[in-house]
C-alpha atoms as a PDB file:
ATOM      1  CA  MET A   1      67.727 -35.479-170.614  1.00  0.00           C
ATOM      2  CA  PRO A   2      68.760 -36.935-167.482  1.00  0.00           C
ATOM      3  CA  LYS A   3      66.613 -38.169-165.134  1.00  0.00           C
ATOM      4  CA  PHE A   4      67.761 -37.000-161.741  1.00  0.00           C
ATOM      5  CA  GLY A   5      67.865 -33.343-160.388  1.00  0.00           C
ATOM      6  CA  LYS A   6      70.555 -31.945-158.582  1.00  0.00           C
ATOM      7  CA  LEU A   7      73.023 -34.459-156.332  1.00  0.00           C
ATOM      8  CA  PRO A   8      74.257 -34.090-153.119  1.00  0.00           C
ATOM      9  CA  LYS A   9      77.367 -32.285-152.495  1.00  0.00           C
ATOM     10  CA  PRO A  10      79.637 -35.391-151.656  1.00  0.00           C
ATOM     11  CA  VAL A  11      78.259 -37.018-154.917  1.00  0.00           C
ATOM     12  CA  ALA A  12      78.699 -34.445-157.313  1.00  0.00           C
ATOM     13  CA  GLN A  13      82.126 -33.663-155.913  1.00  0.00           C
ATOM     14  CA  PHE A  14      83.372 -37.185-156.324  1.00  0.00           C
ATOM     15  CA  VAL A  15      81.856 -36.856-160.270  1.00  0.00           C
ATOM     16  CA  GLU A  16      83.508 -33.672-160.924  1.00  0.00           C
ATOM     17  CA  ALA A  17      86.728 -34.804-159.211  1.00  0.00           C
ATOM     18  CA  VAL A  18      86.736 -38.038-161.400  1.00  0.00           C
ATOM     19  CA  ASN A  19      85.800 -35.940-164.277  1.00  0.00           C
ATOM     20  CA  ALA A  20      88.565 -33.698-163.357  1.00  0.00           C
ATOM     21  CA  GLY A  21      91.616 -36.278-162.805  1.00  0.00           C
ATOM     22  CA  ASP A  22      91.523 -34.460-159.543  1.00  0.00           C
ATOM     23  CA  LEU A  23      93.014 -37.209-156.646  1.00  0.00           C
ATOM     24  CA  GLU A  24      93.207 -35.467-153.836  1.00  0.00           C
ATOM     25  CA  ARG A  25      89.479 -33.490-154.355  1.00  0.00           C
ATOM     26  CA  LEU A  26      88.506 -37.187-154.869  1.00  0.00           C
ATOM     27  CA  LEU A  27      89.879 -38.606-151.472  1.00  0.00           C
ATOM     28  CA  SER A  28      88.091 -35.381-149.507  1.00  0.00           C
ATOM     29  CA  THR A  29      84.552 -36.851-150.545  1.00  0.00           C
ATOM     30  CA  PHE A  30      85.305 -39.858-148.318  1.00  0.00           C
ATOM     31  CA  LEU A  31      84.861 -40.481-144.819  1.00  0.00           C
ATOM     32  CA  GLU A  32      88.335 -42.003-143.520  1.00  0.00           C
ATOM     33  CA  ASP A  33      87.267 -45.422-143.010  1.00  0.00           C
ATOM     34  CA  ALA A  34      85.337 -45.462-145.949  1.00  0.00           C
ATOM     35  CA  LEU A  35      84.472 -48.801-147.650  1.00  0.00           C
ATOM     36  CA  VAL A  36      84.671 -49.025-151.785  1.00  0.00           C
ATOM     37  CA  ASN A  37      83.415 -51.889-153.415  1.00  0.00           C
ATOM     38  CA  ASP A  38      84.464 -51.674-157.132  1.00  0.00           C
ATOM     39  CA  GLU A  39      82.738 -55.049-158.809  1.00  0.00           C
ATOM     40  CA  LEU A  40      83.667 -56.722-155.748  1.00  0.00           C
ATOM     41  CA  ARG A  41      87.253 -56.164-155.000  1.00  0.00           C
ATOM     42  CA  GLU A  42      87.074 -54.258-151.302  1.00  0.00           C
ATOM     43  CA  HIS A  43      89.245 -51.106-150.667  1.00  0.00           C
ATOM     44  CA  TRP A  44      88.483 -50.003-146.988  1.00  0.00           C
ATOM     45  CA  GLY A  45      89.909 -46.543-145.680  1.00  0.00           C
ATOM     46  CA  ILE A  46      91.132 -43.705-147.160  1.00  0.00           C
ATOM     47  CA  GLU A  47      94.829 -44.925-147.823  1.00  0.00           C
ATOM     48  CA  ALA A  48      93.837 -48.027-149.864  1.00  0.00           C
ATOM     49  CA  ILE A  49      90.600 -45.718-151.483  1.00  0.00           C
ATOM     50  CA  ARG A  50      94.119 -43.901-152.741  1.00  0.00           C
ATOM     51  CA  ARG A  51      95.783 -46.453-154.158  1.00  0.00           C
ATOM     52  CA  TRP A  52      92.488 -48.109-155.732  1.00  0.00           C
ATOM     53  CA  ALA A  53      91.473 -44.347-157.173  1.00  0.00           C
ATOM     54  CA  ALA A  54      95.226 -43.423-158.321  1.00  0.00           C
ATOM     55  CA  ASP A  55      95.423 -46.957-160.500  1.00  0.00           C
ATOM     56  CA  GLU A  56      91.375 -47.506-161.489  1.00  0.00           C
ATOM     57  CA  LEU A  57      89.913 -43.737-161.858  1.00  0.00           C
ATOM     58  CA  ILE A  58      93.048 -41.164-162.624  1.00  0.00           C
ATOM     59  CA  ALA A  59      95.227 -43.069-164.319  1.00  0.00           C
ATOM     60  CA  LYS A  60      92.695 -44.480-166.699  1.00  0.00           C
ATOM     61  CA  ALA A  61      91.684 -40.550-167.302  1.00  0.00           C
ATOM     62  CA  LEU A  62      87.618 -42.315-166.370  1.00  0.00           C
ATOM     63  CA  ARG A  63      85.023 -39.491-167.163  1.00  0.00           C
ATOM     64  CA  ILE A  64      81.435 -40.504-165.664  1.00  0.00           C
ATOM     65  CA  GLU A  65      78.374 -38.982-167.252  1.00  0.00           C
ATOM     66  CA  VAL A  66      75.502 -39.169-165.086  1.00  0.00           C
ATOM     67  CA  VAL A  67      72.401 -40.152-166.537  1.00  0.00           C
ATOM     68  CA  GLU A  68      70.220 -41.481-163.756  1.00  0.00           C
ATOM     69  CA  ALA A  69      70.300 -40.764-159.826  1.00  0.00           C
ATOM     70  CA  ARG A  70      67.384 -41.968-157.602  1.00  0.00           C
ATOM     71  CA  ALA A  71      67.092 -42.245-153.623  1.00  0.00           C
ATOM     72  CA  HIS A  72      66.143 -46.038-152.115  1.00  0.00           C
ATOM     73  CA  TYR A  73      66.266 -45.800-148.595  1.00  0.00           C
ATOM     74  CA  THR A  74      69.877 -45.114-147.247  1.00  0.00           C
ATOM     75  CA  HIS A  75      71.203 -44.862-150.983  1.00  0.00           C
ATOM     76  CA  LEU A  76      71.721 -43.086-153.907  1.00  0.00           C
ATOM     77  CA  ILE A  77      71.720 -45.108-156.945  1.00  0.00           C
ATOM     78  CA  VAL A  78      73.786 -43.409-159.887  1.00  0.00           C
ATOM     79  CA  SER A  79      73.523 -44.631-163.669  1.00  0.00           C
ATOM     80  CA  ALA A  80      76.335 -43.154-165.314  1.00  0.00           C
ATOM     81  CA  GLU A  81      77.855 -43.860-168.610  1.00  0.00           C
ATOM     82  CA  ILE A  82      81.690 -44.248-168.235  1.00  0.00           C
ATOM     83  CA  ASP A  83      84.471 -43.712-170.421  1.00  0.00           C
ATOM     84  CA  GLY A  84      88.337 -43.451-170.387  1.00  0.00           C
ATOM     85  CA  ASP A  85      91.777 -44.657-171.549  1.00  0.00           C
ATOM     86  CA  PHE A  86      91.105 -48.627-170.919  1.00  0.00           C
ATOM     87  CA  ASP A  87      90.660 -51.927-173.033  1.00  0.00           C
ATOM     88  CA  LYS A  88      86.937 -51.701-174.661  1.00  0.00           C
ATOM     89  CA  LEU A  89      87.254 -54.703-176.563  1.00  0.00           C
ATOM     90  CA  GLY A  90      84.396 -56.552-176.180  1.00  0.00           C
ATOM     91  CA  LEU A  91      82.604 -54.266-173.768  1.00  0.00           C
ATOM     92  CA  PRO A  92      79.086 -52.404-174.194  1.00  0.00           C
ATOM     93  CA  ASN A  93      78.849 -49.184-175.801  1.00  0.00           C
ATOM     94  CA  PRO A  94      77.781 -47.292-174.490  1.00  0.00           C
ATOM     95  CA  LEU A  95      79.164 -48.624-170.613  1.00  0.00           C
ATOM     96  CA  VAL A  96      76.871 -48.507-167.821  1.00  0.00           C
ATOM     97  CA  HIS A  97      77.698 -49.001-164.351  1.00  0.00           C
ATOM     98  CA  ARG A  98      75.730 -48.206-161.487  1.00  0.00           C
ATOM     99  CA  PHE A  99      77.654 -46.311-158.082  1.00  0.00           C
ATOM    100  CA  TYR A 100      76.000 -46.964-154.889  1.00  0.00           C
ATOM    101  CA  PHE A 101      76.518 -44.154-152.939  1.00  0.00           C
ATOM    102  CA  ALA A 102      76.167 -44.474-148.929  1.00  0.00           C
ATOM    103  CA  GLN A 103      76.523 -40.829-147.012  1.00  0.00           C
ATOM    104  CA  ARG A 104      77.543 -39.972-143.110  1.00  0.00           C
ATOM    105  CA  ARG A 105      78.127 -36.644-141.780  1.00  0.00           C
ATOM    106  CA  GLY A 106      78.104 -35.023-145.268  1.00  0.00           C
ATOM    107  CA  LYS A 107      80.851 -37.101-146.929  1.00  0.00           C
ATOM    108  CA  LEU A 108      80.726 -40.416-148.167  1.00  0.00           C
ATOM    109  CA  ALA A 109      80.900 -43.442-146.295  1.00  0.00           C
ATOM    110  CA  GLU A 110      80.657 -46.525-148.673  1.00  0.00           C
ATOM    111  CA  LEU A 111      80.315 -46.607-152.489  1.00  0.00           C
ATOM    112  CA  THR A 112      79.837 -49.838-154.291  1.00  0.00           C
ATOM    113  CA  ILE A 113      80.173 -49.945-158.313  1.00  0.00           C
ATOM    114  CA  LEU A 114      78.597 -52.658-160.449  1.00  0.00           C
ATOM    115  CA  PRO A 115      78.291 -53.132-164.483  1.00  0.00           C
ATOM    116  CA  LYS A 116      74.571 -51.911-165.050  1.00  0.00           C
ATOM    117  CA  ALA A 117      72.418 -55.586-164.859  1.00  0.00           C
ATOM    118  CA  GLU A 118      70.678 -55.796-168.641  1.00  0.00           C
ATOM    119  CA  GLN A 119      66.392 -55.055-168.079  1.00  0.00           C
ATOM    120  CA  GLY A 120      64.334 -57.822-168.944  1.00  0.00           C
END
């Protein structure tokens, strides 16, 4: 059973848009000057986020299954299993990433995505 309640609206809409392959709906969750940092590659502003999302999420039919979400100060940290049409050779199964969301004015201001660190 997932370890989270209801996700905040922009986060829930982001996950739903990614899973539906809906680029425009995905973009509508972000502020115009938002920052996405995907595994240490920065994408500043909505046009850069559009290119990133089209190439890395939509084209690869990425699917996100949230398994845990927790608030930590100004961020919501979401752990999710991800799948899609990308080379999985050598990757763990399930492949879990952490999505660090920061919100402002009801939209996403910042998103950092990193592989989940091994727990020791």
